[in-house]
């Protein structure tokens, strides 16, 4: 009986973090700052299909944290609109790039009751954050996120106190195929 109570408590306290790289964005160009690069029309279309694939998998974040850069902002809004329309998006400069994964993990502050948290950001920081969540070190196993790729990593808490568990890591093509199979 005591074990059942302990297992229930541990399960209830875990958090699934969905790490999502922003969708396909405009190429860098003169006169447009990196922060203002928008998703392309193809990026919007493919990111929408990725979010539909996530919905087919049952992903329903109760917190969405995003880089404030335009391409990540637009990705978070597309995903949030499909997966959790009433969920407010919180923008944090920690996800904008150049912040060490340890600092990101310590600085992410979703609502205390959140058990499914979507984090939208950029490479290589997102891949390094995945490694940190799984191993405690950014350089042990960084994930090579494609644009609009997503990983699901379960951690004990945010910030994590122990190694997380990778549930899945899917390319945008896989997620679009999942969406197509659920039409």
N, C-alpha and C. Protein backbone atom coordinates (compact mmCIF):
# COMPACT_ATOMS: atom_id res chain seq x y z
N UNK A 1 0.82 -1.19 0.00
CA UNK A 1 0.00 0.00 0.00
C UNK A 1 0.86 1.26 0.00
N UNK A 2 1.94 1.25 0.81
CA UNK A 2 2.81 2.42 0.88
C UNK A 2 3.47 2.68 -0.47
N UNK A 3 3.88 1.61 -1.17
CA UNK A 3 4.50 1.78 -2.48
C UNK A 3 3.56 2.42 -3.47
N UNK A 4 2.31 2.02 -3.45
CA UNK A 4 1.33 2.60 -4.38
C UNK A 4 1.22 4.11 -4.16
N UNK A 5 1.21 4.52 -2.90
CA UNK A 5 1.11 5.95 -2.59
C UNK A 5 2.36 6.69 -3.07
N UNK A 6 3.53 6.07 -2.89
CA UNK A 6 4.77 6.71 -3.31
C UNK A 6 4.82 6.81 -4.83
N UNK A 7 4.48 5.74 -5.53
CA UNK A 7 4.48 5.77 -6.99
C UNK A 7 3.50 6.80 -7.52
N UNK A 8 2.32 6.90 -6.95
CA UNK A 8 1.35 7.89 -7.39
C UNK A 8 1.91 9.29 -7.19
N UNK A 9 2.53 9.53 -6.04
CA UNK A 9 3.09 10.84 -5.75
C UNK A 9 4.18 11.19 -6.76
N UNK A 10 5.10 10.24 -7.03
CA UNK A 10 6.18 10.52 -7.98
C UNK A 10 5.63 10.78 -9.37
N UNK A 11 4.65 9.99 -9.80
CA UNK A 11 4.09 10.19 -11.13
C UNK A 11 3.42 11.55 -11.22
N UNK A 12 2.71 11.93 -10.20
CA UNK A 12 1.99 13.19 -10.20
C UNK A 12 2.95 14.39 -10.24
N UNK A 13 4.12 14.22 -9.68
CA UNK A 13 5.05 15.34 -9.59
C UNK A 13 5.92 15.51 -10.84
N UNK A 14 5.93 14.53 -11.74
CA UNK A 14 6.77 14.66 -12.92
C UNK A 14 6.19 15.66 -13.91
N UNK A 15 7.06 16.13 -14.79
CA UNK A 15 6.68 17.10 -15.81
C UNK A 15 7.19 16.58 -17.16
N UNK A 16 6.32 16.58 -18.16
CA UNK A 16 6.76 16.25 -19.51
C UNK A 16 7.04 17.57 -20.21
N UNK A 17 8.27 17.71 -20.68
CA UNK A 17 8.70 18.91 -21.38
C UNK A 17 8.75 18.59 -22.87
N UNK A 18 7.99 19.33 -23.65
CA UNK A 18 8.01 19.19 -25.11
C UNK A 18 8.90 20.29 -25.65
N UNK A 19 10.08 19.92 -26.12
CA UNK A 19 11.00 20.88 -26.70
C UNK A 19 10.70 20.95 -28.19
N UNK A 20 10.42 22.14 -28.70
CA UNK A 20 10.07 22.33 -30.10
C UNK A 20 10.94 23.42 -30.71
N UNK A 21 11.59 23.07 -31.81
CA UNK A 21 12.35 24.08 -32.54
C UNK A 21 11.38 24.88 -33.41
N UNK A 22 11.66 26.14 -33.61
CA UNK A 22 10.82 26.99 -34.46
C UNK A 22 10.74 26.41 -35.87
N UNK A 23 9.71 26.79 -36.59
CA UNK A 23 9.52 26.35 -37.97
C UNK A 23 10.45 27.05 -38.95
N UNK A 24 10.28 26.73 -40.22
CA UNK A 24 11.11 27.28 -41.29
C UNK A 24 10.91 28.80 -41.35
N UNK A 25 12.02 29.52 -41.26
CA UNK A 25 11.98 30.99 -41.22
C UNK A 25 12.67 31.59 -42.43
N UNK A 26 12.44 32.88 -42.62
CA UNK A 26 13.12 33.63 -43.68
C UNK A 26 14.62 33.53 -43.48
N UNK A 27 15.33 33.53 -44.58
CA UNK A 27 16.79 33.53 -44.52
C UNK A 27 17.26 34.89 -43.98
N UNK A 28 18.41 34.91 -43.31
CA UNK A 28 18.95 36.20 -42.86
C UNK A 28 19.17 37.11 -44.07
N UNK A 29 18.85 38.38 -43.90
CA UNK A 29 19.07 39.34 -44.98
C UNK A 29 19.37 40.71 -44.40
N UNK A 30 19.96 41.55 -45.24
CA UNK A 30 20.26 42.92 -44.81
C UNK A 30 18.97 43.65 -44.53
N UNK A 31 18.99 44.45 -43.51
CA UNK A 31 17.83 45.27 -43.18
C UNK A 31 16.81 44.57 -42.30
N UNK A 32 16.97 43.26 -42.07
CA UNK A 32 16.06 42.52 -41.18
C UNK A 32 16.91 41.94 -40.06
N UNK A 33 16.60 42.32 -38.84
CA UNK A 33 17.36 41.79 -37.71
C UNK A 33 17.03 40.31 -37.53
N UNK A 34 17.95 39.58 -36.94
CA UNK A 34 17.72 38.16 -36.69
C UNK A 34 16.46 37.96 -35.85
N UNK A 35 16.23 38.82 -34.90
CA UNK A 35 15.06 38.71 -34.03
C UNK A 35 13.74 38.88 -34.78
N UNK A 36 13.77 39.55 -35.91
CA UNK A 36 12.54 39.84 -36.66
C UNK A 36 12.27 38.88 -37.82
N UNK A 37 13.10 37.85 -37.98
CA UNK A 37 12.87 36.90 -39.06
C UNK A 37 11.59 36.11 -38.81
N UNK A 38 10.68 36.16 -39.77
CA UNK A 38 9.37 35.51 -39.64
C UNK A 38 9.40 34.11 -40.25
N UNK A 39 8.39 33.32 -39.91
CA UNK A 39 8.20 32.05 -40.59
C UNK A 39 7.82 32.33 -42.05
N UNK A 40 8.27 31.47 -42.94
CA UNK A 40 7.86 31.57 -44.33
C UNK A 40 6.45 30.99 -44.45
N UNK A 41 5.81 31.18 -45.61
CA UNK A 41 4.50 30.56 -45.83
C UNK A 41 4.60 29.05 -45.68
N UNK A 42 5.67 28.46 -46.22
CA UNK A 42 5.89 27.02 -46.09
C UNK A 42 6.11 26.66 -44.62
N UNK A 43 6.82 27.51 -43.90
CA UNK A 43 7.05 27.28 -42.47
C UNK A 43 5.76 27.29 -41.68
N UNK A 44 4.86 28.21 -41.99
CA UNK A 44 3.56 28.27 -41.32
C UNK A 44 2.77 27.00 -41.62
N UNK A 45 2.73 26.62 -42.90
CA UNK A 45 1.96 25.44 -43.31
C UNK A 45 2.50 24.17 -42.64
N UNK A 46 3.82 23.98 -42.69
CA UNK A 46 4.41 22.77 -42.12
C UNK A 46 4.32 22.75 -40.59
N UNK A 47 4.49 23.89 -39.97
CA UNK A 47 4.38 23.96 -38.51
C UNK A 47 2.95 23.66 -38.08
N UNK A 48 1.98 24.11 -38.83
CA UNK A 48 0.58 23.80 -38.54
C UNK A 48 0.35 22.30 -38.60
N UNK A 49 0.89 21.64 -39.62
CA UNK A 49 0.74 20.18 -39.75
C UNK A 49 1.46 19.46 -38.61
N UNK A 50 2.63 19.96 -38.20
CA UNK A 50 3.34 19.37 -37.06
C UNK A 50 2.47 19.46 -35.81
N UNK A 51 1.87 20.62 -35.57
CA UNK A 51 1.01 20.78 -34.39
C UNK A 51 -0.19 19.84 -34.47
N UNK A 52 -0.72 19.61 -35.66
CA UNK A 52 -1.82 18.65 -35.81
C UNK A 52 -1.35 17.24 -35.48
N UNK A 53 -0.11 16.91 -35.83
CA UNK A 53 0.46 15.62 -35.46
C UNK A 53 0.62 15.50 -33.95
N UNK A 54 1.05 16.57 -33.31
CA UNK A 54 1.16 16.57 -31.85
C UNK A 54 -0.20 16.39 -31.20
N UNK A 55 -1.22 17.03 -31.77
CA UNK A 55 -2.59 16.86 -31.25
C UNK A 55 -3.01 15.41 -31.36
N UNK A 56 -2.70 14.76 -32.49
CA UNK A 56 -3.05 13.34 -32.68
C UNK A 56 -2.34 12.46 -31.64
N UNK A 57 -1.18 12.88 -31.17
CA UNK A 57 -0.46 12.13 -30.13
C UNK A 57 -0.99 12.43 -28.73
N UNK A 58 -1.92 13.37 -28.61
CA UNK A 58 -2.50 13.70 -27.32
C UNK A 58 -1.74 14.74 -26.54
N UNK A 59 -0.90 15.50 -27.20
CA UNK A 59 -0.13 16.56 -26.52
C UNK A 59 -1.07 17.73 -26.23
N UNK A 60 -1.18 18.07 -24.95
CA UNK A 60 -1.99 19.21 -24.52
C UNK A 60 -1.20 19.96 -23.44
N UNK A 61 -0.35 20.89 -23.85
CA UNK A 61 0.45 21.60 -22.85
C UNK A 61 -0.43 22.49 -21.95
N UNK A 62 -0.06 22.52 -20.67
CA UNK A 62 -0.75 23.46 -19.79
C UNK A 62 0.14 24.66 -19.48
N UNK A 63 1.29 24.73 -20.15
CA UNK A 63 2.15 25.92 -20.10
C UNK A 63 2.97 25.92 -21.40
N UNK A 64 3.14 27.11 -21.99
CA UNK A 64 3.96 27.26 -23.19
C UNK A 64 4.94 28.39 -22.92
N UNK A 65 6.23 28.05 -23.03
CA UNK A 65 7.30 29.02 -22.83
C UNK A 65 8.03 29.15 -24.15
N UNK A 66 8.32 30.37 -24.57
CA UNK A 66 8.91 30.58 -25.89
C UNK A 66 9.98 31.65 -25.89
N UNK A 67 10.89 31.48 -26.82
CA UNK A 67 11.83 32.55 -27.15
C UNK A 67 11.01 33.72 -27.67
N UNK A 68 11.44 34.95 -27.40
CA UNK A 68 10.70 36.10 -27.92
C UNK A 68 11.00 36.42 -29.39
N UNK A 69 11.99 35.72 -30.00
CA UNK A 69 12.29 35.98 -31.40
C UNK A 69 11.08 35.62 -32.26
N UNK A 70 10.83 36.41 -33.28
CA UNK A 70 9.59 36.32 -34.05
C UNK A 70 9.28 34.92 -34.56
N UNK A 71 10.27 34.21 -35.10
CA UNK A 71 10.01 32.88 -35.66
C UNK A 71 9.58 31.89 -34.57
N UNK A 72 10.13 32.01 -33.37
CA UNK A 72 9.72 31.16 -32.26
C UNK A 72 8.35 31.58 -31.74
N UNK A 73 8.13 32.87 -31.64
CA UNK A 73 6.83 33.42 -31.22
C UNK A 73 5.73 32.88 -32.14
N UNK A 74 5.95 32.97 -33.45
CA UNK A 74 4.93 32.50 -34.40
C UNK A 74 4.72 30.99 -34.28
N UNK A 75 5.80 30.25 -34.08
CA UNK A 75 5.69 28.80 -33.90
C UNK A 75 4.89 28.48 -32.65
N UNK A 76 5.19 29.16 -31.55
CA UNK A 76 4.47 28.92 -30.29
C UNK A 76 2.99 29.25 -30.44
N UNK A 77 2.67 30.32 -31.14
CA UNK A 77 1.27 30.70 -31.33
C UNK A 77 0.52 29.67 -32.19
N UNK A 78 1.18 29.16 -33.23
CA UNK A 78 0.55 28.13 -34.07
C UNK A 78 0.30 26.87 -33.23
N UNK A 79 1.33 26.39 -32.56
CA UNK A 79 1.20 25.17 -31.76
C UNK A 79 0.18 25.37 -30.64
N UNK A 80 0.27 26.49 -29.94
CA UNK A 80 -0.67 26.76 -28.86
C UNK A 80 -2.11 26.85 -29.34
N UNK A 81 -2.31 27.49 -30.49
CA UNK A 81 -3.66 27.62 -31.03
C UNK A 81 -4.30 26.29 -31.36
N UNK A 82 -3.50 25.32 -31.75
CA UNK A 82 -4.02 24.00 -32.10
C UNK A 82 -4.10 23.08 -30.88
N UNK A 83 -3.10 23.13 -30.01
CA UNK A 83 -3.01 22.19 -28.90
C UNK A 83 -3.71 22.65 -27.62
N UNK A 84 -3.66 23.94 -27.36
CA UNK A 84 -4.19 24.45 -26.09
C UNK A 84 -4.59 25.92 -26.28
N UNK A 85 -5.70 26.17 -26.98
CA UNK A 85 -6.07 27.54 -27.33
C UNK A 85 -6.20 28.50 -26.14
N UNK A 86 -6.52 27.99 -24.96
CA UNK A 86 -6.69 28.86 -23.80
C UNK A 86 -5.40 29.04 -22.99
N UNK A 87 -4.32 28.39 -23.43
CA UNK A 87 -3.05 28.46 -22.71
C UNK A 87 -2.30 29.73 -23.10
N UNK A 88 -1.91 30.49 -22.12
CA UNK A 88 -1.15 31.71 -22.36
C UNK A 88 0.31 31.37 -22.64
N UNK A 89 0.91 32.08 -23.56
CA UNK A 89 2.32 31.88 -23.90
C UNK A 89 3.16 32.86 -23.09
N UNK A 90 4.20 32.33 -22.45
CA UNK A 90 5.13 33.16 -21.69
C UNK A 90 6.43 33.25 -22.48
N UNK A 91 6.86 34.47 -22.76
CA UNK A 91 8.09 34.69 -23.52
C UNK A 91 9.23 34.95 -22.55
N UNK A 92 10.36 34.29 -22.81
CA UNK A 92 11.52 34.46 -21.94
C UNK A 92 12.78 34.62 -22.77
N UNK A 93 13.58 35.63 -22.48
CA UNK A 93 14.84 35.83 -23.20
C UNK A 93 15.83 34.69 -22.97
N UNK A 94 15.62 33.86 -21.95
CA UNK A 94 16.49 32.72 -21.72
C UNK A 94 16.53 31.80 -22.94
N UNK A 95 15.44 31.77 -23.71
CA UNK A 95 15.33 30.87 -24.86
C UNK A 95 15.77 31.52 -26.18
N UNK A 96 16.21 32.76 -26.14
CA UNK A 96 16.56 33.49 -27.37
C UNK A 96 17.92 33.09 -27.94
N UNK A 97 18.71 32.36 -27.18
CA UNK A 97 20.03 31.94 -27.66
C UNK A 97 21.13 32.41 -26.75
N UNK A 98 22.23 31.67 -26.73
CA UNK A 98 23.45 31.99 -25.98
C UNK A 98 23.33 31.84 -24.47
N UNK A 99 22.20 31.35 -23.96
CA UNK A 99 22.08 31.10 -22.53
C UNK A 99 22.44 29.64 -22.29
N UNK A 100 23.34 29.35 -21.36
CA UNK A 100 23.70 27.95 -21.08
C UNK A 100 22.46 27.14 -20.66
N UNK A 101 22.40 25.88 -21.07
CA UNK A 101 21.22 25.05 -20.75
C UNK A 101 20.95 24.94 -19.25
N UNK A 102 22.00 24.94 -18.45
CA UNK A 102 21.80 24.86 -17.00
C UNK A 102 21.01 26.08 -16.51
N UNK A 103 21.35 27.24 -17.05
CA UNK A 103 20.65 28.47 -16.66
C UNK A 103 19.21 28.47 -17.19
N UNK A 104 19.02 27.92 -18.39
CA UNK A 104 17.65 27.84 -18.92
C UNK A 104 16.81 26.95 -18.03
N UNK A 105 17.32 25.75 -17.72
CA UNK A 105 16.56 24.80 -16.89
C UNK A 105 16.22 25.40 -15.53
N UNK A 106 17.15 26.14 -14.95
CA UNK A 106 16.91 26.76 -13.64
C UNK A 106 15.97 27.95 -13.75
N UNK A 107 15.96 28.62 -14.91
CA UNK A 107 15.17 29.83 -15.07
C UNK A 107 13.77 29.62 -15.59
N UNK A 108 13.48 28.43 -16.15
CA UNK A 108 12.12 28.18 -16.65
C UNK A 108 11.18 28.06 -15.46
N UNK A 109 10.17 28.85 -15.46
CA UNK A 109 9.23 28.87 -14.34
C UNK A 109 7.79 28.75 -14.83
N UNK A 110 7.40 27.53 -15.25
CA UNK A 110 6.00 27.36 -15.62
C UNK A 110 5.14 27.40 -14.36
N UNK A 111 3.84 27.53 -14.51
CA UNK A 111 2.98 27.47 -13.32
C UNK A 111 3.23 26.19 -12.53
N UNK A 112 3.15 26.27 -11.24
CA UNK A 112 3.47 25.14 -10.36
C UNK A 112 2.67 23.89 -10.70
N UNK A 113 1.45 24.04 -11.11
CA UNK A 113 0.59 22.89 -11.40
C UNK A 113 0.82 22.31 -12.79
N UNK A 114 1.65 22.95 -13.62
CA UNK A 114 1.86 22.49 -14.99
C UNK A 114 2.56 21.13 -15.00
N UNK A 115 2.01 20.20 -15.76
CA UNK A 115 2.58 18.87 -15.89
C UNK A 115 2.99 18.56 -17.32
N UNK A 116 2.56 19.39 -18.28
CA UNK A 116 2.99 19.28 -19.66
C UNK A 116 3.39 20.69 -20.11
N UNK A 117 4.68 20.87 -20.35
CA UNK A 117 5.21 22.19 -20.66
C UNK A 117 5.84 22.16 -22.05
N UNK A 118 5.39 23.05 -22.92
CA UNK A 118 6.01 23.19 -24.24
C UNK A 118 7.01 24.32 -24.18
N UNK A 119 8.22 24.06 -24.71
CA UNK A 119 9.29 25.04 -24.75
C UNK A 119 9.69 25.21 -26.21
N UNK A 120 9.55 26.42 -26.74
CA UNK A 120 9.85 26.69 -28.15
C UNK A 120 11.11 27.55 -28.23
N UNK A 121 12.09 27.05 -28.99
CA UNK A 121 13.35 27.78 -29.07
C UNK A 121 14.12 27.49 -30.33
N UNK A 122 15.45 27.55 -30.22
CA UNK A 122 16.37 27.55 -31.36
C UNK A 122 17.47 26.52 -31.16
N UNK A 123 18.11 26.17 -32.28
CA UNK A 123 19.30 25.33 -32.24
C UNK A 123 20.52 26.24 -32.20
N UNK A 124 21.60 25.85 -31.58
CA UNK A 124 21.85 24.57 -30.94
C UNK A 124 21.40 24.50 -29.48
N UNK A 125 20.91 25.62 -28.95
CA UNK A 125 20.54 25.67 -27.54
C UNK A 125 19.49 24.65 -27.14
N UNK A 126 18.52 24.41 -28.01
CA UNK A 126 17.45 23.45 -27.68
C UNK A 126 18.01 22.03 -27.58
N UNK A 127 18.90 21.67 -28.50
CA UNK A 127 19.52 20.35 -28.45
C UNK A 127 20.37 20.16 -27.20
N UNK A 128 21.08 21.22 -26.82
CA UNK A 128 21.89 21.18 -25.60
C UNK A 128 21.00 21.11 -24.36
N UNK A 129 19.87 21.81 -24.38
CA UNK A 129 18.93 21.74 -23.26
C UNK A 129 18.38 20.32 -23.13
N UNK A 130 18.07 19.68 -24.25
CA UNK A 130 17.60 18.29 -24.22
C UNK A 130 18.64 17.40 -23.54
N UNK A 131 19.90 17.55 -23.95
CA UNK A 131 20.97 16.76 -23.34
C UNK A 131 21.05 17.02 -21.84
N UNK A 132 20.96 18.28 -21.46
CA UNK A 132 21.04 18.63 -20.04
C UNK A 132 19.88 18.00 -19.25
N UNK A 133 18.68 18.05 -19.81
CA UNK A 133 17.52 17.47 -19.11
C UNK A 133 17.65 15.96 -18.96
N UNK A 134 18.27 15.31 -19.97
CA UNK A 134 18.40 13.85 -19.93
C UNK A 134 19.60 13.35 -19.15
N UNK A 135 20.69 14.13 -19.15
CA UNK A 135 21.95 13.62 -18.59
C UNK A 135 22.57 14.50 -17.51
N UNK A 136 22.13 15.74 -17.41
CA UNK A 136 22.76 16.67 -16.48
C UNK A 136 23.94 17.41 -17.09
N UNK A 137 24.23 17.15 -18.38
CA UNK A 137 25.33 17.83 -19.08
C UNK A 137 24.88 18.19 -20.49
N UNK A 138 25.20 19.39 -20.93
CA UNK A 138 24.75 19.89 -22.24
C UNK A 138 25.44 19.21 -23.41
N UNK A 139 26.63 18.68 -23.20
CA UNK A 139 27.41 18.16 -24.32
C UNK A 139 27.44 16.64 -24.43
N UNK A 140 26.72 15.92 -23.60
CA UNK A 140 26.75 14.47 -23.63
C UNK A 140 25.94 13.91 -24.79
N UNK A 141 24.73 14.42 -24.98
CA UNK A 141 23.85 13.88 -26.00
C UNK A 141 22.91 14.95 -26.57
N UNK A 142 23.48 16.01 -27.18
CA UNK A 142 22.60 17.05 -27.73
C UNK A 142 21.77 16.50 -28.89
N UNK A 143 20.50 16.84 -28.91
CA UNK A 143 19.61 16.35 -29.97
C UNK A 143 19.68 17.28 -31.18
N UNK A 144 19.72 16.71 -32.38
CA UNK A 144 19.80 17.51 -33.62
C UNK A 144 18.41 17.89 -34.14
N UNK A 145 17.79 18.85 -33.52
CA UNK A 145 16.43 19.27 -33.90
C UNK A 145 16.39 19.84 -35.31
N UNK A 146 15.50 19.31 -36.15
CA UNK A 146 15.18 19.95 -37.42
C UNK A 146 14.16 21.03 -37.12
N UNK A 147 13.95 21.92 -38.08
CA UNK A 147 12.98 22.99 -37.87
C UNK A 147 11.59 22.40 -37.69
N UNK A 148 10.95 22.73 -36.57
CA UNK A 148 9.64 22.24 -36.12
C UNK A 148 9.71 20.81 -35.60
N UNK A 149 10.91 20.30 -35.33
CA UNK A 149 11.05 19.00 -34.68
C UNK A 149 10.72 19.13 -33.20
N UNK A 150 10.30 18.00 -32.60
CA UNK A 150 9.85 18.03 -31.20
C UNK A 150 10.37 16.80 -30.46
N UNK A 151 10.77 17.02 -29.21
CA UNK A 151 11.15 15.93 -28.30
C UNK A 151 10.28 16.01 -27.06
N UNK A 152 9.94 14.85 -26.50
CA UNK A 152 9.20 14.77 -25.24
C UNK A 152 10.12 14.15 -24.20
N UNK A 153 10.44 14.93 -23.17
CA UNK A 153 11.35 14.48 -22.12
C UNK A 153 10.64 14.64 -20.78
N UNK A 154 10.57 13.55 -20.03
CA UNK A 154 9.96 13.60 -18.70
C UNK A 154 11.03 13.86 -17.66
N UNK A 155 10.79 14.85 -16.82
CA UNK A 155 11.71 15.19 -15.74
C UNK A 155 10.94 15.17 -14.42
N UNK A 156 11.69 15.08 -13.34
CA UNK A 156 11.05 15.03 -12.03
C UNK A 156 10.46 16.37 -11.62
N UNK A 157 11.04 17.46 -12.12
CA UNK A 157 10.58 18.81 -11.79
C UNK A 157 11.34 19.79 -12.68
N UNK A 158 10.91 21.03 -12.66
CA UNK A 158 11.66 22.11 -13.31
C UNK A 158 12.08 23.11 -12.25
N UNK A 159 13.37 23.33 -12.05
CA UNK A 159 14.47 22.64 -12.70
C UNK A 159 14.57 21.19 -12.23
N UNK A 160 15.14 20.31 -13.08
CA UNK A 160 15.22 18.89 -12.72
C UNK A 160 16.26 18.64 -11.63
N UNK A 161 15.98 17.59 -10.84
CA UNK A 161 16.92 17.19 -9.78
C UNK A 161 17.65 15.91 -10.15
N UNK A 162 17.19 15.24 -11.22
CA UNK A 162 17.82 14.01 -11.67
C UNK A 162 17.63 13.90 -13.18
N UNK A 163 18.25 12.87 -13.75
CA UNK A 163 18.19 12.68 -15.20
C UNK A 163 16.76 12.46 -15.67
N UNK A 164 16.43 13.06 -16.81
CA UNK A 164 15.11 12.89 -17.40
C UNK A 164 15.06 11.69 -18.32
N UNK A 165 13.87 11.36 -18.78
CA UNK A 165 13.62 10.23 -19.65
C UNK A 165 13.08 10.72 -20.99
N UNK A 166 13.79 10.39 -22.06
CA UNK A 166 13.33 10.75 -23.40
C UNK A 166 12.22 9.78 -23.79
N UNK A 167 11.00 10.32 -23.98
CA UNK A 167 9.88 9.48 -24.42
C UNK A 167 9.91 9.31 -25.93
N UNK A 168 10.14 10.41 -26.66
CA UNK A 168 10.26 10.35 -28.11
C UNK A 168 10.92 11.62 -28.62
N UNK A 169 11.47 11.48 -29.83
CA UNK A 169 12.11 12.59 -30.54
C UNK A 169 11.70 12.42 -31.99
N UNK A 170 10.83 13.32 -32.49
CA UNK A 170 10.25 13.15 -33.81
C UNK A 170 10.59 14.31 -34.73
N UNK A 171 10.89 13.96 -35.96
CA UNK A 171 11.16 14.97 -36.98
C UNK A 171 9.83 15.59 -37.41
N UNK A 172 9.88 16.76 -38.05
CA UNK A 172 8.64 17.35 -38.55
C UNK A 172 7.95 16.45 -39.57
N UNK A 173 8.73 15.73 -40.37
CA UNK A 173 8.14 14.81 -41.34
C UNK A 173 7.35 13.70 -40.68
N UNK A 174 7.89 13.15 -39.59
CA UNK A 174 7.15 12.13 -38.84
C UNK A 174 5.85 12.70 -38.27
N UNK A 175 5.92 13.88 -37.71
CA UNK A 175 4.73 14.48 -37.09
C UNK A 175 3.68 14.83 -38.14
N UNK A 176 4.11 15.28 -39.31
CA UNK A 176 3.13 15.55 -40.39
C UNK A 176 2.49 14.24 -40.86
N UNK A 177 3.27 13.16 -40.92
CA UNK A 177 2.72 11.86 -41.31
C UNK A 177 1.70 11.36 -40.28
N UNK A 178 1.98 11.61 -39.02
CA UNK A 178 1.02 11.25 -37.97
C UNK A 178 -0.25 12.05 -38.15
N UNK A 179 -0.12 13.34 -38.45
CA UNK A 179 -1.31 14.17 -38.69
C UNK A 179 -2.11 13.63 -39.87
N UNK A 180 -1.42 13.26 -40.95
CA UNK A 180 -2.11 12.72 -42.13
C UNK A 180 -2.82 11.42 -41.83
N UNK A 181 -2.26 10.60 -40.96
CA UNK A 181 -2.87 9.30 -40.64
C UNK A 181 -4.10 9.44 -39.75
N UNK A 182 -4.32 10.63 -39.19
CA UNK A 182 -5.46 10.86 -38.30
C UNK A 182 -6.52 11.75 -38.95
N UNK A 183 -6.48 11.90 -40.25
CA UNK A 183 -7.48 12.72 -40.94
C UNK A 183 -8.79 11.98 -41.01
